[in-house]
């Protein structure tokens, strides 16, 4: 039985495209709470979790507890396969919750249990309903360990197969933009801004009358079935503010991606009443220098009286001619982050393309299968360190019992060198 009911008034029925922001798991729930606190307009909010207490504490108006039979409302225990199974258990409730939306943003912190495992299921259900589905997720800090990073990468792989567009934010990038006075809340709010400003920019395009008006069909053209995406936001004041904001938007410090080679670009420029024509035209002129020469550029502007001298530029770039180039840029970013660490961790293995969390009968999460790497070639999978040590000791005792043999016998590597030399005499 569900502890929380989805508010039936979520569908306004006013004829406009309906945007829903869905936070899945702890990280996604926190992101939604911060957006509500920042008074984000133009979207409806829903949070989904396996942890009943987290739902109780949230400010979101619409909450959905999933997998109650499986988890009893106690969470997924950092196991993605439990998060996935919980979402599948509550598939009908999820379907009811997302129904009526024209576009959904699914946000989650990847690497844990509920967000990593359930977000792909939520996305699949939304896609099956014909909803434009965008994933905006965060990757864990490097110091959180290779195991969590592997789980995150596998979750991102699964999510990418079930969304129209996917945007991944690296938490390690927060270390590049933070200073000694930056609090944890401030840091995560920076990451939330990628999602918040993206949602706000798209809702402005759809709802707010602009000097150059756009509609939801334009948004769908750029974002439907386009894979990896770059979303950037820039804000600036003073001289050349539009150009400065555009440069900030195309070089978003929290993303590993760039707009280079994009064949689909959505641009929104929002400014005060004094926003000038020449200022506005500098934005698409600048961006067109980086994207594909034949890129489809959809451009819109809107006026916000509260901005006064400030300009906000939102850029969403999709449909890259070669995602390999984007992955190469991401790899360079990872190498750069690793170089800053005095003791960088070994690079995590790349997840298999078809990896999924469907093996629920396993005692350990599926990501544990990677832990077998590095064992000796003669040891079978699952052999413990103590078992291998016993084997070495038995081999050495057998060697000692062959006193009358003059032939050299391989000596276990754990025996000190001085004992090896003594044995050969």
Protein backbone atom coordinates (compact mmCIF):
# COMPACT_ATOMS: atom_id res chain seq x y z
CA UNK A 1 0.00 0.00 0.00
CA UNK A 2 1.31 3.43 -0.90
CA UNK A 3 2.10 5.75 1.96
CA UNK A 4 1.88 8.83 -0.27
CA UNK A 5 -0.62 9.73 -2.95
CA UNK A 6 0.16 11.78 -6.01
CA UNK A 7 -1.79 15.03 -6.11
CA UNK A 8 -4.55 14.74 -8.70
CA UNK A 9 -4.29 18.46 -9.50
CA UNK A 10 -0.87 18.11 -11.12
CA UNK A 11 -2.36 18.39 -14.62
CA UNK A 12 -3.52 21.97 -14.99
CA UNK A 13 -5.30 21.33 -18.26
CA UNK A 14 -4.74 24.91 -19.45
CA UNK A 15 -3.69 23.91 -22.96
CA UNK A 16 0.01 24.60 -22.41
CA UNK A 17 2.70 21.95 -22.48
CA UNK A 18 3.09 20.41 -19.04
CA UNK A 19 6.62 20.07 -17.62
CA UNK A 20 7.29 17.83 -14.64
CA UNK A 21 10.53 17.60 -12.70
CA UNK A 22 10.95 14.19 -11.06
CA UNK A 23 13.59 13.67 -8.39
CA UNK A 24 14.47 10.00 -7.90
CA UNK A 25 16.39 8.87 -4.81
CA UNK A 26 18.07 10.99 -2.16
CA UNK A 27 20.12 13.17 -4.50
CA UNK A 28 17.19 13.79 -6.82
CA UNK A 29 14.88 14.57 -3.91
CA UNK A 30 17.34 17.11 -2.54
CA UNK A 31 17.66 18.77 -5.94
CA UNK A 32 13.88 19.15 -6.17
CA UNK A 33 13.69 20.55 -2.64
CA UNK A 34 16.30 23.19 -3.47
CA UNK A 35 14.45 24.16 -6.65
CA UNK A 36 11.23 24.56 -4.68
CA UNK A 37 13.10 26.65 -2.13
CA UNK A 38 14.38 28.83 -5.00
CA UNK A 39 10.78 29.26 -6.18
CA UNK A 40 11.29 27.75 -9.64
CA UNK A 41 8.27 28.50 -11.81
CA UNK A 42 6.83 26.76 -14.84
CA UNK A 43 7.10 23.14 -13.70
CA UNK A 44 5.40 20.64 -11.42
CA UNK A 45 7.41 18.62 -8.92
CA UNK A 46 7.36 14.97 -7.95
CA UNK A 47 9.80 13.02 -5.81
CA UNK A 48 10.19 9.24 -5.78
CA UNK A 49 12.01 7.22 -3.14
CA UNK A 50 12.19 3.88 -1.34
CA UNK A 51 12.86 5.66 1.97
CA UNK A 52 9.71 6.79 3.73
CA UNK A 53 11.51 9.15 6.12
CA UNK A 54 13.15 11.07 3.27
CA UNK A 55 9.74 11.59 1.68
CA UNK A 56 8.31 12.88 4.96
CA UNK A 57 11.05 15.51 5.24
CA UNK A 58 10.72 16.76 1.66
CA UNK A 59 8.98 20.01 0.72
CA UNK A 60 7.72 18.55 -2.56
CA UNK A 61 3.93 18.64 -2.98
CA UNK A 62 3.82 15.25 -4.73
CA UNK A 63 5.55 12.20 -3.26
CA UNK A 64 5.64 8.57 -4.28
CA UNK A 65 6.94 5.70 -2.16
CA UNK A 66 8.02 2.80 -4.37
CA UNK A 67 8.81 -0.83 -3.59
CA UNK A 68 7.06 -0.83 -0.23
CA UNK A 69 6.67 -4.61 -0.24
CA UNK A 70 10.34 -5.07 -1.07
CA UNK A 71 11.96 -2.43 1.14
CA UNK A 72 9.23 -1.74 3.74
CA UNK A 73 9.98 1.94 3.26
CA UNK A 74 13.52 1.60 4.61
CA UNK A 75 15.47 2.43 1.45
CA UNK A 76 17.50 0.48 -1.09
CA UNK A 77 20.68 0.15 0.98
CA UNK A 78 22.92 1.57 -1.77
CA UNK A 79 22.03 -1.40 -3.99
CA UNK A 80 20.92 -0.32 -7.49
CA UNK A 81 19.28 -3.66 -8.23
CA UNK A 82 16.95 -3.09 -5.25
CA UNK A 83 16.11 0.37 -6.55
CA UNK A 84 15.28 -1.08 -9.95
CA UNK A 85 13.12 -3.83 -8.55
CA UNK A 86 11.31 -1.34 -6.29
CA UNK A 87 10.46 0.80 -9.31
CA UNK A 88 9.24 -2.22 -11.25
CA UNK A 89 7.06 -3.22 -8.30
CA UNK A 90 5.44 0.23 -8.38
CA UNK A 91 5.35 0.64 -12.17
CA UNK A 92 1.62 1.34 -12.28
CA UNK A 93 1.88 4.05 -9.62
CA UNK A 94 4.79 5.65 -11.49
CA UNK A 95 2.81 5.56 -14.72
CA UNK A 96 -0.10 7.32 -13.04
CA UNK A 97 2.23 9.93 -11.52
CA UNK A 98 3.91 10.94 -14.79
CA UNK A 99 0.79 10.73 -16.97
CA UNK A 100 -0.35 14.02 -18.43
CA UNK A 101 3.12 15.48 -18.82
CA UNK A 102 4.45 16.57 -22.19
CA UNK A 103 8.03 16.75 -20.92
CA UNK A 104 9.75 15.34 -17.85
CA UNK A 105 13.12 16.08 -16.36
CA UNK A 106 14.37 13.12 -14.32
CA UNK A 107 17.08 14.06 -11.86
CA UNK A 108 19.08 11.71 -9.66
CA UNK A 109 22.40 11.35 -7.93
CA UNK A 110 24.03 8.31 -9.50
CA UNK A 111 26.00 5.73 -7.54
CA UNK A 112 23.53 4.99 -4.77
CA UNK A 113 20.62 2.57 -4.69
CA UNK A 114 17.29 4.20 -5.52
CA UNK A 115 18.45 6.91 -7.91
CA UNK A 116 20.78 4.62 -9.86
CA UNK A 117 18.39 1.70 -10.11
CA UNK A 118 14.97 3.37 -10.29
CA UNK A 119 15.65 6.37 -12.54
CA UNK A 120 16.05 4.25 -15.71
CA UNK A 121 12.74 2.53 -14.97
CA UNK A 122 10.96 5.85 -14.45
CA UNK A 123 12.45 7.10 -17.71
CA UNK A 124 11.36 4.00 -19.61
CA UNK A 125 7.79 4.37 -18.37
CA UNK A 126 7.71 8.04 -19.37
CA UNK A 127 9.08 7.26 -22.83
CA UNK A 128 6.50 4.53 -23.32
CA UNK A 129 3.82 7.15 -22.64
CA UNK A 130 5.22 9.31 -25.44
CA UNK A 131 6.62 11.94 -23.07
CA UNK A 132 9.75 13.89 -24.02
CA UNK A 133 12.17 12.60 -21.40
CA UNK A 134 15.36 14.32 -20.28
CA UNK A 135 17.78 12.92 -17.70
CA UNK A 136 19.92 15.30 -15.64
CA UNK A 137 22.14 13.37 -13.24
CA UNK A 138 25.23 13.86 -11.10
CA UNK A 139 28.27 11.62 -10.90
CA UNK A 140 29.86 11.06 -7.46
CA UNK A 141 33.04 12.66 -6.21
CA UNK A 142 36.20 10.68 -6.95
CA UNK A 143 36.91 10.38 -3.22
CA UNK A 144 33.66 8.40 -2.80
CA UNK A 145 35.48 5.40 -4.26
CA UNK A 146 35.79 3.37 -7.44
CA UNK A 147 32.92 1.05 -6.53
CA UNK A 148 30.41 3.89 -6.33
CA UNK A 149 31.77 5.40 -9.54
CA UNK A 150 31.32 2.07 -11.35
CA UNK A 151 27.73 1.86 -10.14
CA UNK A 152 27.14 5.44 -11.29
CA UNK A 153 28.57 4.79 -14.75
CA UNK A 154 26.46 1.66 -15.13
CA UNK A 155 23.36 3.58 -14.02
CA UNK A 156 24.09 6.39 -16.47
CA UNK A 157 24.48 3.80 -19.23
CA UNK A 158 21.08 2.33 -18.39
CA UNK A 159 19.42 5.74 -18.11
CA UNK A 160 20.88 6.83 -21.43
CA UNK A 161 19.08 3.96 -23.14
CA UNK A 162 15.72 5.17 -21.82
CA UNK A 163 15.76 8.96 -22.24
CA UNK A 164 15.64 11.29 -25.22
CA UNK A 165 18.45 13.47 -23.92
CA UNK A 166 20.98 12.93 -21.13
CA UNK A 167 23.06 15.49 -19.26
CA UNK A 168 25.64 14.34 -16.70
CA UNK A 169 27.16 16.67 -14.12
CA UNK A 170 30.46 15.71 -12.47
CA UNK A 171 30.61 16.49 -8.75
CA UNK A 172 34.40 16.65 -9.03
CA UNK A 173 33.91 19.79 -11.09
CA UNK A 174 32.49 21.47 -8.00
CA UNK A 175 35.99 21.35 -6.53
CA UNK A 176 37.21 23.50 -9.42
CA UNK A 177 34.67 26.27 -8.84
CA UNK A 178 34.48 26.20 -5.04
CA UNK A 179 36.64 28.13 -2.61
CA UNK A 180 37.32 27.87 1.13
CA UNK A 181 34.11 29.70 1.96
CA UNK A 182 31.87 27.49 -0.20
CA UNK A 183 29.52 25.41 1.96
CA UNK A 184 28.27 21.95 1.02
CA UNK A 185 24.79 23.37 0.39
CA UNK A 186 26.21 26.11 -1.83
CA UNK A 187 28.26 23.58 -3.79
CA UNK A 188 25.32 21.31 -4.52
CA UNK A 189 23.18 24.31 -5.36
CA UNK A 190 25.71 25.07 -8.12
CA UNK A 191 25.06 21.62 -9.58
CA UNK A 192 21.31 22.11 -9.20
CA UNK A 193 21.56 25.32 -11.19
CA UNK A 194 22.32 23.36 -14.36
CA UNK A 195 18.96 21.62 -14.00
CA UNK A 196 17.08 24.59 -12.53
CA UNK A 197 18.17 27.07 -15.18
CA UNK A 198 17.60 24.52 -17.93
CA UNK A 199 14.04 23.89 -16.75
CA UNK A 200 13.48 27.62 -16.31
CA UNK A 201 14.90 28.38 -19.75
CA UNK A 202 12.67 25.84 -21.47
CA UNK A 203 9.58 26.90 -19.53
CA UNK A 204 10.33 30.51 -20.48
CA UNK A 205 10.49 29.48 -24.12
CA UNK A 206 7.12 27.77 -23.86
CA UNK A 207 5.12 29.97 -21.50
CA UNK A 208 6.55 33.48 -21.62
CA UNK A 209 5.69 35.58 -24.68
CA UNK A 210 8.91 36.62 -26.33
CA UNK A 211 10.15 39.04 -28.90
CA UNK A 212 11.04 35.92 -30.88
CA UNK A 213 8.46 33.37 -29.81
CA UNK A 214 9.03 29.62 -29.61
CA UNK A 215 6.80 26.70 -28.64
CA UNK A 216 7.06 23.18 -27.29
CA UNK A 217 7.32 21.68 -30.77
CA UNK A 218 10.59 23.58 -31.24
CA UNK A 219 11.94 22.16 -28.00
CA UNK A 220 10.93 18.65 -29.02
CA UNK A 221 12.66 19.04 -32.38
CA UNK A 222 15.99 19.73 -30.68
CA UNK A 223 15.77 17.24 -27.80
CA UNK A 224 13.85 14.17 -28.98
CA UNK A 225 16.03 11.04 -29.34
CA UNK A 226 19.27 13.03 -29.37
CA UNK A 227 21.42 11.22 -26.76
CA UNK A 228 24.19 13.06 -24.94
CA UNK A 229 23.55 16.77 -24.49
CA UNK A 230 25.28 19.89 -23.26
CA UNK A 231 23.28 22.33 -21.16
CA UNK A 232 24.85 25.59 -20.09
CA UNK A 233 23.71 28.79 -18.44
CA UNK A 234 25.45 32.13 -18.34
CA UNK A 235 24.58 35.34 -16.49
CA UNK A 236 26.28 38.69 -16.95
CA UNK A 237 25.87 42.43 -16.42
CA UNK A 238 27.45 45.57 -17.80
CA UNK A 239 29.15 46.07 -21.14
CA UNK A 240 29.03 43.16 -23.59
CA UNK A 241 26.83 41.28 -21.14
CA UNK A 242 25.12 39.15 -23.81
CA UNK A 243 28.42 37.98 -25.30
CA UNK A 244 29.87 37.33 -21.85
CA UNK A 245 26.81 35.32 -20.80
CA UNK A 246 26.94 33.30 -24.03
CA UNK A 247 30.60 32.41 -23.45
CA UNK A 248 29.75 31.26 -19.93
CA UNK A 249 26.87 29.13 -21.22
CA UNK A 250 28.93 27.25 -23.80
CA UNK A 251 31.74 26.56 -21.33
CA UNK A 252 29.69 25.34 -18.37
CA UNK A 253 32.28 24.57 -15.65
CA UNK A 254 30.31 21.64 -14.20
CA UNK A 255 30.02 19.64 -17.42
CA UNK A 256 32.57 17.47 -19.20
CA UNK A 257 30.88 18.17 -22.54
CA UNK A 258 31.20 20.98 -25.07
CA UNK A 259 28.97 22.26 -27.88
CA UNK A 260 31.56 21.44 -30.56
CA UNK A 261 29.96 19.72 -33.54
CA UNK A 262 26.37 19.92 -32.26
CA UNK A 263 23.76 19.65 -35.00
CA UNK A 264 20.84 20.75 -32.83
CA UNK A 265 21.01 23.88 -30.66
CA UNK A 266 18.39 25.62 -28.58
CA UNK A 267 19.22 29.14 -27.36
CA UNK A 268 17.21 31.34 -25.03
CA UNK A 269 18.21 34.89 -24.17
CA UNK A 270 16.36 36.48 -21.28
CA UNK A 271 16.99 40.09 -20.35
CA UNK A 272 15.51 43.24 -18.92
CA UNK A 273 13.40 45.81 -20.76
CA UNK A 274 16.54 47.47 -22.15
CA UNK A 275 17.75 44.31 -23.93
CA UNK A 276 19.12 45.54 -27.27
CA UNK A 277 18.83 43.97 -30.70
CA UNK A 278 22.57 44.04 -31.37
CA UNK A 279 23.21 42.45 -27.97
CA UNK A 280 20.81 39.63 -28.74
CA UNK A 281 22.26 38.85 -32.18
CA UNK A 282 25.78 38.46 -30.79
CA UNK A 283 24.67 35.29 -28.97
CA UNK A 284 23.74 33.07 -31.97
CA UNK A 285 26.62 34.55 -33.95
CA UNK A 286 29.07 33.45 -31.28
CA UNK A 287 27.57 30.00 -30.77
CA UNK A 288 27.40 29.24 -34.50
CA UNK A 289 31.21 29.39 -34.62
CA UNK A 290 31.43 26.18 -32.55
CA UNK A 291 28.54 24.01 -33.76
CA UNK A 292 28.13 22.09 -37.00
CA UNK A 293 27.87 24.44 -40.03
CA UNK A 294 24.50 22.90 -40.90
CA UNK A 295 23.21 22.85 -37.33
CA UNK A 296 19.55 23.54 -36.69
CA UNK A 297 19.49 26.51 -34.33
CA UNK A 298 16.26 27.37 -32.54
CA UNK A 299 16.43 30.78 -30.94
CA UNK A 300 14.16 32.62 -28.57
CA UNK A 301 14.17 35.71 -26.41
CA UNK A 302 12.08 36.79 -23.46
CA UNK A 303 11.84 39.84 -21.24
CA UNK A 304 11.96 39.76 -17.44
CA UNK A 305 11.44 43.14 -15.79
CA UNK A 306 13.24 42.00 -12.65
CA UNK A 307 16.55 41.44 -14.44
CA UNK A 308 17.23 45.14 -15.12
CA UNK A 309 20.81 45.20 -16.49
CA UNK A 310 21.34 41.42 -16.36
CA UNK A 311 21.18 38.94 -19.23
CA UNK A 312 20.70 35.18 -18.91
CA UNK A 313 21.67 32.91 -21.80
CA UNK A 314 20.60 29.26 -21.81
CA UNK A 315 22.11 26.88 -24.37
CA UNK A 316 21.14 23.27 -25.00
CA UNK A 317 23.22 21.47 -27.62
CA UNK A 318 22.36 17.99 -28.92
CA UNK A 319 22.73 15.61 -31.88
CA UNK A 320 26.50 15.44 -31.99
CA UNK A 321 28.01 14.15 -35.21
CA UNK A 322 30.52 12.12 -33.24
CA UNK A 323 29.86 11.28 -29.63
CA UNK A 324 33.37 9.81 -29.64
CA UNK A 325 34.75 13.34 -29.66
CA UNK A 326 32.62 14.21 -26.65
CA UNK A 327 33.77 11.12 -24.80
CA UNK A 328 37.35 12.08 -25.58
CA UNK A 329 36.74 15.51 -24.04
CA UNK A 330 35.31 13.79 -20.97
CA UNK A 331 38.36 11.52 -20.71
CA UNK A 332 40.66 14.54 -20.82
CA UNK A 333 38.64 16.10 -18.02
CA UNK A 334 38.99 12.96 -15.91
CA UNK A 335 42.75 12.92 -16.49
CA UNK A 336 42.96 16.56 -15.47
CA UNK A 337 41.06 15.90 -12.24
CA UNK A 338 43.22 12.86 -11.47
CA UNK A 339 46.40 14.89 -11.92
CA UNK A 340 45.31 17.21 -9.13
CA UNK A 341 45.16 14.37 -6.64
CA UNK A 342 48.34 13.35 -4.83
CA UNK A 343 47.16 9.74 -4.77
CA UNK A 344 44.78 9.27 -7.68
CA UNK A 345 42.67 6.14 -7.72
CA UNK A 346 43.04 3.60 -10.47
CA UNK A 347 40.65 4.35 -13.30
CA UNK A 348 37.41 2.44 -12.92
CA UNK A 349 36.61 -0.19 -15.58
CA UNK A 350 34.18 1.00 -18.22
CA UNK A 351 30.75 -0.63 -17.71
CA UNK A 352 29.40 -3.07 -20.27
CA UNK A 353 26.99 -1.49 -22.73
CA UNK A 354 24.17 -3.86 -21.84
CA UNK A 355 24.78 -4.06 -18.09
CA UNK A 356 21.62 -4.07 -16.01
CA UNK A 357 20.59 -4.66 -12.44
CA UNK A 358 18.22 -7.54 -13.00
CA UNK A 359 20.03 -10.30 -11.09
CA UNK A 360 18.27 -9.85 -7.77
CA UNK A 361 19.07 -13.31 -6.41
CA UNK A 362 22.76 -12.49 -6.12
CA UNK A 363 23.97 -11.95 -2.58
CA UNK A 364 26.00 -8.88 -3.60
CA UNK A 365 25.18 -6.09 -6.09
CA UNK A 366 26.12 -6.80 -9.69
CA UNK A 367 28.88 -4.20 -9.61
CA UNK A 368 30.83 -6.52 -7.33
CA UNK A 369 31.69 -8.66 -10.37
CA UNK A 370 34.42 -6.17 -11.20
CA UNK A 371 36.17 -6.92 -7.92
CA UNK A 372 37.45 -10.23 -9.31
CA UNK A 373 39.96 -8.29 -11.41
CA UNK A 374 43.49 -8.54 -10.17
CA UNK A 375 43.32 -12.08 -8.70
CA UNK A 376 45.94 -14.64 -9.77
CA UNK A 377 45.22 -16.55 -12.96
CA UNK A 378 45.05 -19.86 -11.10
CA UNK A 379 42.47 -18.66 -8.59
CA UNK A 380 38.81 -19.17 -9.42
CA UNK A 381 36.29 -16.31 -9.09
CA UNK A 382 35.15 -15.90 -5.49
CA UNK A 383 38.29 -17.44 -3.92
CA UNK A 384 39.12 -15.54 -0.76
CA UNK A 385 42.51 -14.24 0.27
CA UNK A 386 42.73 -16.69 3.19
CA UNK A 387 42.00 -19.64 0.90
CA UNK A 388 44.78 -18.59 -1.44
CA UNK A 389 47.13 -18.22 1.55
CA UNK A 390 46.32 -21.78 2.70
CA UNK A 391 47.10 -23.05 -0.79
CA UNK A 392 50.49 -21.35 -0.74
CA UNK A 393 51.35 -22.86 2.65
CA UNK A 394 50.39 -26.37 1.48
CA UNK A 395 52.56 -25.98 -1.60
CA UNK A 396 55.50 -24.93 0.54
CA UNK A 397 55.08 -27.85 2.97
CA UNK A 398 54.97 -30.25 0.02
CA UNK A 399 58.20 -28.71 -1.22
CA UNK A 400 59.92 -29.29 2.14
CA UNK A 401 58.88 -32.95 2.17
CA UNK A 402 60.78 -33.59 -1.06
CA UNK A 403 64.21 -33.39 0.65
CA UNK A 404 65.86 -35.98 -1.60
CA UNK A 405 64.89 -34.17 -4.81
CA UNK A 406 67.61 -31.98 -6.40
CA UNK A 407 65.35 -30.31 -8.95
CA UNK A 408 64.36 -26.67 -8.56
CA UNK A 409 60.75 -26.21 -7.56
CA UNK A 410 58.82 -22.96 -7.81
CA UNK A 411 58.64 -21.37 -4.39
CA UNK A 412 55.55 -19.40 -3.36
CA UNK A 413 56.10 -15.68 -3.72
CA UNK A 414 55.21 -14.96 -0.09
CA UNK A 415 58.40 -16.73 1.23
CA UNK A 416 61.14 -14.26 2.19
CA UNK A 417 64.16 -14.16 -0.13
CA UNK A 418 66.65 -15.25 2.53
CA UNK A 419 64.64 -18.44 3.16
CA UNK A 420 64.47 -19.15 -0.57
CA UNK A 421 68.27 -18.93 -0.82
CA UNK A 422 68.72 -21.16 2.25
CA UNK A 423 66.45 -23.81 0.76
CA UNK A 424 68.48 -23.96 -2.46
CA UNK A 425 71.74 -24.79 -0.57
